[in-house]
Amino acid sequence: PPTSTSGSTAKVALALTTIVGTMWCAYAFAVLALV
């Protein structure tokens, strides 16, 4: 993944995908938490 990102949304997405692997996994965790 790129080491530098331009926007805050890109920085959040990069941090999430580094931790959980994919954005789909991050979405699943978010839905589970909201439920």
Full PDB file with SEQRES, HELIX, SHEET, SSBOND, CRYST1, ORIGX, SCALE, CONECT and MASTER records, all heavy atoms in Angstrom:
SEQRES   1 A   35  PRO PRO THR SER THR SER GLY SER THR ALA LYS VAL ALA          
SEQRES   2 A   35  LEU ALA LEU THR THR ILE VAL GLY THR MET TRP CYS ALA          
SEQRES   3 A   35  TYR ALA PHE ALA VAL LEU ALA LEU VAL                          
HELIX    1 AA1 SER A    8  VAL A   20  1                                  13    
HELIX    2 AA2 MET A   23  LEU A   34  1                                  12    
CRYST1    1.000    1.000    1.000  90.00  90.00  90.00 P 1           1          
ORIGX1      1.000000  0.000000  0.000000        0.00000                         
ORIGX2      0.000000  1.000000  0.000000        0.00000                         
ORIGX3      0.000000  0.000000  1.000000        0.00000                         
SCALE1      1.000000  0.000000  0.000000        0.00000                         
SCALE2      0.000000  1.000000  0.000000        0.00000                         
SCALE3      0.000000  0.000000  1.000000        0.00000                         
ATOM      1  N   PRO A   1       0.839  -1.198   0.000  1.00  0.00           N  
ATOM      2  CA  PRO A   1       0.000   0.000   0.000  1.00  0.00           C  
ATOM      3  C   PRO A   1       0.875   1.250   0.000  1.00  0.00           C  
ATOM      4  O   PRO A   1       2.023   1.202   0.434  1.00  0.00           O  
ATOM      5  CB  PRO A   1      -0.804  -0.117   1.294  1.00  0.00           C  
ATOM      6  CG  PRO A   1      -0.008  -1.013   2.154  1.00  0.00           C  
ATOM      7  CD  PRO A   1       0.731  -1.943   1.250  1.00  0.00           C  
ATOM      8  N   PRO A   2       0.327   2.345  -0.461  1.00  0.00           N  
ATOM      9  CA  PRO A   2       1.125   3.572  -0.466  1.00  0.00           C  
ATOM     10  C   PRO A   2       1.473   4.004   0.956  1.00  0.00           C  
ATOM     11  O   PRO A   2       0.675   3.831   1.886  1.00  0.00           O  
ATOM     12  CB  PRO A   2       0.210   4.591  -1.148  1.00  0.00           C  
ATOM     13  CG  PRO A   2      -1.162   4.035  -1.035  1.00  0.00           C  
ATOM     14  CD  PRO A   2      -1.013   2.552  -0.988  1.00  0.00           C  
ATOM     15  N   THR A   3       2.649   4.559   1.131  1.00  0.00           N  
ATOM     16  CA  THR A   3       3.072   4.982   2.464  1.00  0.00           C  
ATOM     17  C   THR A   3       2.564   6.365   2.804  1.00  0.00           C  
ATOM     18  O   THR A   3       2.444   6.711   3.970  1.00  0.00           O  
ATOM     19  CB  THR A   3       4.605   4.958   2.577  1.00  0.00           C  
ATOM     20  OG1 THR A   3       5.144   5.766   1.541  1.00  0.00           O  
ATOM     21  CG2 THR A   3       5.126   3.539   2.443  1.00  0.00           C  
ATOM     22  N   SER A   4       2.269   7.166   1.808  1.00  0.00           N  
ATOM     23  CA  SER A   4       1.725   8.494   2.081  1.00  0.00           C  
ATOM     24  C   SER A   4       0.359   8.609   1.427  1.00  0.00           C  
ATOM     25  O   SER A   4       0.137   8.152   0.309  1.00  0.00           O  
ATOM     26  CB  SER A   4       2.655   9.573   1.538  1.00  0.00           C  
ATOM     27  OG  SER A   4       2.752   9.471   0.145  1.00  0.00           O  
ATOM     28  N   THR A   5      -0.562   9.214   2.148  1.00  0.00           N  
ATOM     29  CA  THR A   5      -1.907   9.411   1.624  1.00  0.00           C  
ATOM     30  C   THR A   5      -2.237  10.888   1.695  1.00  0.00           C  
ATOM     31  O   THR A   5      -1.711  11.623   2.530  1.00  0.00           O  
ATOM     32  CB  THR A   5      -2.935   8.606   2.430  1.00  0.00           C  
ATOM     33  OG1 THR A   5      -2.784   8.936   3.809  1.00  0.00           O  
ATOM     34  CG2 THR A   5      -2.718   7.123   2.239  1.00  0.00           C  
ATOM     35  N   SER A   6      -3.151  11.324   0.845  1.00  0.00           N  
ATOM     36  CA  SER A   6      -3.425  12.752   0.754  1.00  0.00           C  
ATOM     37  C   SER A   6      -4.583  13.196   1.638  1.00  0.00           C  
ATOM     38  O   SER A   6      -4.529  14.243   2.245  1.00  0.00           O  
ATOM     39  CB  SER A   6      -3.705  13.133  -0.696  1.00  0.00           C  
ATOM     40  OG  SER A   6      -4.801  12.386  -1.176  1.00  0.00           O  
ATOM     41  N   GLY A   7      -5.648  12.406   1.727  1.00  0.00           N  
ATOM     42  CA  GLY A   7      -6.817  12.832   2.480  1.00  0.00           C  
ATOM     43  C   GLY A   7      -6.994  12.076   3.780  1.00  0.00           C  
ATOM     44  O   GLY A   7      -6.385  11.033   4.012  1.00  0.00           O  
ATOM     45  N   SER A   8      -7.870  12.608   4.634  1.00  0.00           N  
ATOM     46  CA  SER A   8      -8.100  11.954   5.924  1.00  0.00           C  
ATOM     47  C   SER A   8      -8.842  10.632   5.747  1.00  0.00           C  
ATOM     48  O   SER A   8      -8.589   9.678   6.485  1.00  0.00           O  
ATOM     49  CB  SER A   8      -8.882  12.889   6.853  1.00  0.00           C  
ATOM     50  OG  SER A   8     -10.133  13.208   6.284  1.00  0.00           O  
ATOM     51  N   THR A   9      -9.740  10.553   4.768  1.00  0.00           N  
ATOM     52  CA  THR A   9     -10.446   9.306   4.515  1.00  0.00           C  
ATOM     53  C   THR A   9      -9.476   8.225   4.047  1.00  0.00           C  
ATOM     54  O   THR A   9      -9.574   7.065   4.460  1.00  0.00           O  
ATOM     55  CB  THR A   9     -11.531   9.519   3.442  1.00  0.00           C  
ATOM     56  OG1 THR A   9     -12.372  10.579   3.853  1.00  0.00           O  
ATOM     57  CG2 THR A   9     -12.355   8.267   3.238  1.00  0.00           C  
ATOM     58  N   ALA A  10      -8.531   8.598   3.212  1.00  0.00           N  
ATOM     59  CA  ALA A  10      -7.535   7.640   2.736  1.00  0.00           C  
ATOM     60  C   ALA A  10      -6.646   7.168   3.883  1.00  0.00           C  
ATOM     61  O   ALA A  10      -6.256   6.005   3.934  1.00  0.00           O  
ATOM     62  CB  ALA A  10      -6.693   8.263   1.634  1.00  0.00           C  
ATOM     63  N   LYS A  11      -6.345   8.060   4.822  1.00  0.00           N  
ATOM     64  CA  LYS A  11      -5.527   7.680   5.972  1.00  0.00           C  
ATOM     65  C   LYS A  11      -6.264   6.681   6.864  1.00  0.00           C  
ATOM     66  O   LYS A  11      -5.686   5.713   7.343  1.00  0.00           O  
ATOM     67  CB  LYS A  11      -5.124   8.909   6.782  1.00  0.00           C  
ATOM     68  CG  LYS A  11      -4.121   9.778   6.064  1.00  0.00           C  
ATOM     69  CD  LYS A  11      -3.757  10.985   6.873  1.00  0.00           C  
ATOM     70  CE  LYS A  11      -2.809  11.875   6.085  1.00  0.00           C  
ATOM     71  NZ  LYS A  11      -2.445  13.079   6.813  1.00  0.00           N  
ATOM     72  N   VAL A  12      -7.567   6.906   7.070  1.00  0.00           N  
ATOM     73  CA  VAL A  12      -8.370   5.978   7.869  1.00  0.00           C  
ATOM     74  C   VAL A  12      -8.465   4.631   7.165  1.00  0.00           C  
ATOM     75  O   VAL A  12      -8.302   3.575   7.789  1.00  0.00           O  
ATOM     76  CB  VAL A  12      -9.778   6.563   8.129  1.00  0.00           C  
ATOM     77  CG1 VAL A  12     -10.700   5.527   8.747  1.00  0.00           C  
ATOM     78  CG2 VAL A  12      -9.677   7.790   9.015  1.00  0.00           C  
ATOM     79  N   ALA A  13      -8.703   4.638   5.863  1.00  0.00           N  
ATOM     80  CA  ALA A  13      -8.798   3.389   5.103  1.00  0.00           C  
ATOM     81  C   ALA A  13      -7.476   2.628   5.136  1.00  0.00           C  
ATOM     82  O   ALA A  13      -7.463   1.408   5.286  1.00  0.00           O  
ATOM     83  CB  ALA A  13      -9.213   3.678   3.665  1.00  0.00           C  
ATOM     84  N   LEU A  14      -6.366   3.323   5.022  1.00  0.00           N  
ATOM     85  CA  LEU A  14      -5.062   2.680   5.065  1.00  0.00           C  
ATOM     86  C   LEU A  14      -4.801   2.064   6.435  1.00  0.00           C  
ATOM     87  O   LEU A  14      -4.330   0.939   6.548  1.00  0.00           O  
ATOM     88  CB  LEU A  14      -3.962   3.673   4.708  1.00  0.00           C  
ATOM     89  CG  LEU A  14      -2.539   3.137   4.711  1.00  0.00           C  
ATOM     90  CD1 LEU A  14      -2.400   2.024   3.680  1.00  0.00           C  
ATOM     91  CD2 LEU A  14      -1.554   4.248   4.429  1.00  0.00           C  
ATOM     92  N   ALA A  15      -5.165   2.784   7.497  1.00  0.00           N  
ATOM     93  CA  ALA A  15      -4.976   2.251   8.850  1.00  0.00           C  
ATOM     94  C   ALA A  15      -5.855   1.020   9.072  1.00  0.00           C  
ATOM     95  O   ALA A  15      -5.398   0.013   9.632  1.00  0.00           O  
ATOM     96  CB  ALA A  15      -5.292   3.318   9.881  1.00  0.00           C  
ATOM     97  N   LEU A  16      -7.116   1.073   8.625  1.00  0.00           N  
ATOM     98  CA  LEU A  16      -8.024  -0.060   8.803  1.00  0.00           C  
ATOM     99  C   LEU A  16      -7.560  -1.286   8.038  1.00  0.00           C  
ATOM    100  O   LEU A  16      -7.557  -2.396   8.576  1.00  0.00           O  
ATOM    101  CB  LEU A  16      -9.437   0.315   8.362  1.00  0.00           C  
ATOM    102  CG  LEU A  16     -10.253   1.124   9.346  1.00  0.00           C  
ATOM    103  CD1 LEU A  16     -11.563   1.568   8.715  1.00  0.00           C  
ATOM    104  CD2 LEU A  16     -10.520   0.329  10.597  1.00  0.00           C  
ATOM    105  N   THR A  17      -7.162  -1.100   6.790  1.00  0.00           N  
ATOM    106  CA  THR A  17      -6.756  -2.258   6.005  1.00  0.00           C  
ATOM    107  C   THR A  17      -5.441  -2.837   6.502  1.00  0.00           C  
ATOM    108  O   THR A  17      -5.194  -4.028   6.356  1.00  0.00           O  
ATOM    109  CB  THR A  17      -6.634  -1.917   4.510  1.00  0.00           C  
ATOM    110  OG1 THR A  17      -5.759  -0.792   4.355  1.00  0.00           O  
ATOM    111  CG2 THR A  17      -7.985  -1.611   3.915  1.00  0.00           C  
ATOM    112  N   THR A  18      -4.599  -2.005   7.109  1.00  0.00           N  
ATOM    113  CA  THR A  18      -3.365  -2.515   7.696  1.00  0.00           C  
ATOM    114  C   THR A  18      -3.678  -3.391   8.900  1.00  0.00           C  
ATOM    115  O   THR A  18      -3.053  -4.432   9.114  1.00  0.00           O  
ATOM    116  CB  THR A  18      -2.452  -1.354   8.114  1.00  0.00           C  
ATOM    117  OG1 THR A  18      -2.170  -0.559   6.968  1.00  0.00           O  
ATOM    118  CG2 THR A  18      -1.149  -1.864   8.699  1.00  0.00           C  
ATOM    119  N   ILE A  19      -4.689  -3.014   9.683  1.00  0.00           N  
ATOM    120  CA  ILE A  19      -5.035  -3.747  10.899  1.00  0.00           C  
ATOM    121  C   ILE A  19      -5.860  -4.991  10.593  1.00  0.00           C  
ATOM    122  O   ILE A  19      -5.528  -6.087  11.041  1.00  0.00           O  
ATOM    123  CB  ILE A  19      -5.789  -2.831  11.880  1.00  0.00           C  
ATOM    124  CG1 ILE A  19      -4.855  -1.718  12.367  1.00  0.00           C  
ATOM    125  CG2 ILE A  19      -6.343  -3.619  13.055  1.00  0.00           C  
ATOM    126  CD1 ILE A  19      -5.561  -0.635  13.132  1.00  0.00           C  
ATOM    127  N   VAL A  20      -6.955  -4.858   9.844  1.00  0.00           N  
ATOM    128  CA  VAL A  20      -7.886  -5.980   9.673  1.00  0.00           C  
ATOM    129  C   VAL A  20      -7.749  -6.700   8.340  1.00  0.00           C  
ATOM    130  O   VAL A  20      -8.364  -7.738   8.147  1.00  0.00           O  
ATOM    131  CB  VAL A  20      -9.358  -5.541   9.854  1.00  0.00           C  
ATOM    132  CG1 VAL A  20      -9.594  -5.061  11.246  1.00  0.00           C  
ATOM    133  CG2 VAL A  20      -9.760  -4.489   8.850  1.00  0.00           C  
ATOM    134  N   GLY A  21      -7.001  -6.195   7.415  1.00  0.00           N  
ATOM    135  CA  GLY A  21      -6.764  -6.910   6.161  1.00  0.00           C  
ATOM    136  C   GLY A  21      -7.485  -6.318   4.975  1.00  0.00           C  
ATOM    137  O   GLY A  21      -6.863  -6.006   3.978  1.00  0.00           O  
ATOM    138  N   THR A  22      -8.806  -6.174   5.043  1.00  0.00           N  
ATOM    139  CA  THR A  22      -9.554  -5.621   3.916  1.00  0.00           C  
ATOM    140  C   THR A  22     -10.623  -4.671   4.436  1.00  0.00           C  
ATOM    141  O   THR A  22     -11.021  -4.718   5.603  1.00  0.00           O  
ATOM    142  CB  THR A  22     -10.262  -6.723   3.102  1.00  0.00           C  
ATOM    143  OG1 THR A  22     -11.230  -7.357   3.942  1.00  0.00           O  
ATOM    144  CG2 THR A  22      -9.278  -7.749   2.566  1.00  0.00           C  
ATOM    145  N   MET A  23     -11.112  -3.824   3.566  1.00  0.00           N  
ATOM    146  CA  MET A  23     -12.185  -2.916   3.953  1.00  0.00           C  
ATOM    147  C   MET A  23     -13.484  -3.694   4.184  1.00  0.00           C  
ATOM    148  O   MET A  23     -14.299  -3.299   5.002  1.00  0.00           O  
ATOM    149  CB  MET A  23     -12.392  -1.832   2.887  1.00  0.00           C  
ATOM    150  CG  MET A  23     -11.357  -0.728   2.925  1.00  0.00           C  
ATOM    151  SD  MET A  23     -11.193   0.092   4.533  1.00  0.00           S  
ATOM    152  CE  MET A  23     -12.757   0.923   4.683  1.00  0.00           C  
ATOM    153  N   TRP A  24     -13.689  -4.806   3.485  1.00  0.00           N  
ATOM    154  CA  TRP A  24     -14.901  -5.593   3.714  1.00  0.00           C  
ATOM    155  C   TRP A  24     -14.926  -6.140   5.134  1.00  0.00           C  
ATOM    156  O   TRP A  24     -15.976  -6.193   5.775  1.00  0.00           O  
ATOM    157  CB  TRP A  24     -15.016  -6.724   2.695  1.00  0.00           C  
ATOM    158  CG  TRP A  24     -15.371  -6.213   1.342  1.00  0.00           C  
ATOM    159  CD1 TRP A  24     -14.587  -6.210   0.236  1.00  0.00           C  
ATOM    160  CD2 TRP A  24     -16.595  -5.576   0.956  1.00  0.00           C  
ATOM    161  NE1 TRP A  24     -15.244  -5.616  -0.814  1.00  0.00           N  
ATOM    162  CE2 TRP A  24     -16.480  -5.219  -0.408  1.00  0.00           C  
ATOM    163  CE3 TRP A  24     -17.772  -5.261   1.627  1.00  0.00           C  
ATOM    164  CZ2 TRP A  24     -17.497  -4.576  -1.089  1.00  0.00           C  
ATOM    165  CZ3 TRP A  24     -18.784  -4.626   0.926  1.00  0.00           C  
ATOM    166  CH2 TRP A  24     -18.634  -4.295  -0.415  1.00  0.00           C  
ATOM    167  N   CYS A  25     -13.777  -6.529   5.634  1.00  0.00           N  
ATOM    168  CA  CYS A  25     -13.690  -6.998   7.020  1.00  0.00           C  
ATOM    169  C   CYS A  25     -13.987  -5.840   7.971  1.00  0.00           C  
ATOM    170  O   CYS A  25     -14.681  -6.015   8.975  1.00  0.00           O  
ATOM    171  CB  CYS A  25     -12.313  -7.590   7.279  1.00  0.00           C  
ATOM    172  SG  CYS A  25     -12.147  -8.350   8.884  1.00  0.00           S  
ATOM    173  N   ALA A  26     -13.480  -4.665   7.685  1.00  0.00           N  
ATOM    174  CA  ALA A  26     -13.753  -3.493   8.515  1.00  0.00           C  
ATOM    175  C   ALA A  26     -15.248  -3.165   8.502  1.00  0.00           C  
ATOM    176  O   ALA A  26     -15.821  -2.831   9.546  1.00  0.00           O  
ATOM    177  CB  ALA A  26     -12.941  -2.296   8.026  1.00  0.00           C  
ATOM    178  N   TYR A  27     -15.881  -3.266   7.340  1.00  0.00           N  
ATOM    179  CA  TYR A  27     -17.330  -3.017   7.252  1.00  0.00           C  
ATOM    180  C   TYR A  27     -18.099  -4.045   8.084  1.00  0.00           C  
ATOM    181  O   TYR A  27     -19.069  -3.703   8.765  1.00  0.00           O  
ATOM    182  CB  TYR A  27     -17.809  -3.071   5.803  1.00  0.00           C  
ATOM    183  CG  TYR A  27     -17.246  -1.991   4.909  1.00  0.00           C  
ATOM    184  CD1 TYR A  27     -17.018  -2.245   3.567  1.00  0.00           C  
ATOM    185  CD2 TYR A  27     -16.942  -0.732   5.394  1.00  0.00           C  
ATOM    186  CE1 TYR A  27     -16.510  -1.267   2.736  1.00  0.00           C  
ATOM    187  CE2 TYR A  27     -16.431   0.254   4.575  1.00  0.00           C  
ATOM    188  CZ  TYR A  27     -16.216  -0.016   3.245  1.00  0.00           C  
ATOM    189  OH  TYR A  27     -15.709   0.940   2.421  1.00  0.00           O  
ATOM    190  N   ALA A  28     -17.689  -5.303   8.025  1.00  0.00           N  
ATOM    191  CA  ALA A  28     -18.365  -6.351   8.801  1.00  0.00           C  
ATOM    192  C   ALA A  28     -18.240  -6.076  10.295  1.00  0.00           C  
ATOM    193  O   ALA A  28     -19.220  -6.220  11.045  1.00  0.00           O  
ATOM    194  CB  ALA A  28     -17.781  -7.717   8.457  1.00  0.00           C  
ATOM    195  N   PHE A  29     -17.063  -5.670  10.759  1.00  0.00           N  
ATOM    196  CA  PHE A  29     -16.892  -5.338  12.169  1.00  0.00           C  
ATOM    197  C   PHE A  29     -17.759  -4.145  12.565  1.00  0.00           C  
ATOM    198  O   PHE A  29     -18.334  -4.116  13.659  1.00  0.00           O  
ATOM    199  CB  PHE A  29     -15.429  -5.042  12.486  1.00  0.00           C  
ATOM    200  CG  PHE A  29     -14.555  -6.258  12.515  1.00  0.00           C  
ATOM    201  CD1 PHE A  29     -13.241  -6.174  12.098  1.00  0.00           C  
ATOM    202  CD2 PHE A  29     -15.016  -7.485  12.962  1.00  0.00           C  
ATOM    203  CE1 PHE A  29     -12.414  -7.282  12.121  1.00  0.00           C  
ATOM    204  CE2 PHE A  29     -14.210  -8.599  12.985  1.00  0.00           C  
ATOM    205  CZ  PHE A  29     -12.899  -8.495  12.564  1.00  0.00           C  
ATOM    206  N   ALA A  30     -17.853  -3.155  11.686  1.00  0.00           N  
ATOM    207  CA  ALA A  30     -18.665  -1.972  11.981  1.00  0.00           C  
ATOM    208  C   ALA A  30     -20.149  -2.336  12.076  1.00  0.00           C  
ATOM    209  O   ALA A  30     -20.851  -1.880  12.993  1.00  0.00           O  
ATOM    210  CB  ALA A  30     -18.443  -0.907  10.912  1.00  0.00           C  
ATOM    211  N   VAL A  31     -20.630  -3.162  11.159  1.00  0.00           N  
ATOM    212  CA  VAL A  31     -22.039  -3.584  11.205  1.00  0.00           C  
ATOM    213  C   VAL A  31     -22.311  -4.394  12.464  1.00  0.00           C  
ATOM    214  O   VAL A  31     -23.330  -4.185  13.138  1.00  0.00           O  
ATOM    215  CB  VAL A  31     -22.398  -4.385   9.930  1.00  0.00           C  
ATOM    216  CG1 VAL A  31     -23.737  -5.081  10.070  1.00  0.00           C  
ATOM    217  CG2 VAL A  31     -22.393  -3.469   8.724  1.00  0.00           C  
ATOM    218  N   LEU A  32     -21.417  -5.290  12.817  1.00  0.00           N  
ATOM    219  CA  LEU A  32     -21.584  -6.077  14.036  1.00  0.00           C  
ATOM    220  C   LEU A  32     -21.639  -5.178  15.264  1.00  0.00           C  
ATOM    221  O   LEU A  32     -22.472  -5.371  16.150  1.00  0.00           O  
ATOM    222  CB  LEU A  32     -20.443  -7.091  14.165  1.00  0.00           C  
ATOM    223  CG  LEU A  32     -20.464  -7.974  15.402  1.00  0.00           C  
ATOM    224  CD1 LEU A  32     -21.691  -8.873  15.391  1.00  0.00           C  
ATOM    225  CD2 LEU A  32     -19.196  -8.802  15.469  1.00  0.00           C  
ATOM    226  N   ALA A  33     -20.786  -4.184  15.312  1.00  0.00           N  
ATOM    227  CA  ALA A  33     -20.789  -3.263  16.447  1.00  0.00           C  
ATOM    228  C   ALA A  33     -22.081  -2.455  16.497  1.00  0.00           C  
ATOM    229  O   ALA A  33     -22.649  -2.245  17.576  1.00  0.00           O  
ATOM    230  CB  ALA A  33     -19.585  -2.337  16.369  1.00  0.00           C  
ATOM    231  N   LEU A  34     -22.581  -2.005  15.349  1.00  0.00           N  
ATOM    232  CA  LEU A  34     -23.811  -1.222  15.329  1.00  0.00           C  
ATOM    233  C   LEU A  34     -25.036  -2.060  15.667  1.00  0.00           C  
ATOM    234  O   LEU A  34     -25.990  -1.562  16.261  1.00  0.00           O  
ATOM    235  CB  LEU A  34     -23.985  -0.553  13.972  1.00  0.00           C  
ATOM    236  CG  LEU A  34     -22.985   0.566  13.677  1.00  0.00           C  
ATOM    237  CD1 LEU A  34     -23.183   1.087  12.255  1.00  0.00           C  
ATOM    238  CD2 LEU A  34     -23.117   1.687  14.685  1.00  0.00           C  
ATOM    239  N   VAL A  35     -25.030  -3.333  15.328  1.00  0.00           N  
ATOM    240  CA  VAL A  35     -26.143  -4.215  15.672  1.00  0.00           C  
ATOM    241  C   VAL A  35     -26.176  -4.465  17.176  1.00  0.00           C  
ATOM    242  O   VAL A  35     -27.238  -4.483  17.793  1.00  0.00           O  
ATOM    243  CB  VAL A  35     -26.039  -5.549  14.893  1.00  0.00           C  
ATOM    244  CG1 VAL A  35     -26.954  -6.612  15.459  1.00  0.00           C  
ATOM    245  CG2 VAL A  35     -26.344  -5.314  13.426  1.00  0.00           C  
TER     246      VAL A  35                                                      
MASTER        0    0    0    2    0    0    0    6  245    1    0    3          
END                                                                             
